[in-house]
Amino acid sequence: MVLVARAADFAARRHVEQRRKGAAREPYVNHLIEVASLLAEATRGADPLLVAGGYLHDTLEDTSATYEDLEIHFGPAVATLVAEVTDDKSLPKAERKARQIATASSKSERARLIKIADKTSNVRALASSPPDDWEMRRIVEYVEWAEKVVDKCRGLNAALEQAFDAAVTQARATLNS
């Protein structure tokens, strides 16, 4: 419980000035809370390290936090998990996206669960509050790409996979209306 609370606090403070890209411009921490909640619900709270990783999954990629910061505050297991789900921002976006598909199936179980929860949250956000500057085609392409990543992560948690599938169904319904 303490680990999860500390991770939530750390993530909120590190992402305090960030907003989601959607038209609603909601605080970025809402995404982190949703990912952590999806993971907690899918595992019935049995894996606090996973839930902490859900809160922290974007800290290396999107904040000034370092691997060493995570290791000091949360230990090597959490730091390694977060590093495992972190994209290499020095690579072009297209290459990062291709790598996510190519490497997803070789990730640890926890990393694959975080990937599913992250994509679920992102697809839900695109359905409810797409970015103003995204054309319909870009949203469709994101959903298709997210499906490819999640397809490489399946077989670990039916409830989490169902949440993703429901998000995709909702996104498609919204896009087609």
Foldseek 3Di string as FASTA:
>chain_A
DVLLVLLLVVLCVQQVPAFDQFPVRHRPQVLLVQLLVLVCVLVVNPDSLLSSLSNCLCNCPPGPDDLVNCCVSRNNVSSVLSVLLHFDVVDDPVVSLVVLLVCLLVGDLSNLSSLLSSLLSVLLCCLPTNRPPDDLVNNVVSLVSSVSNNVSNPDRTPSSVVSSVVSSVSSVVSSVD
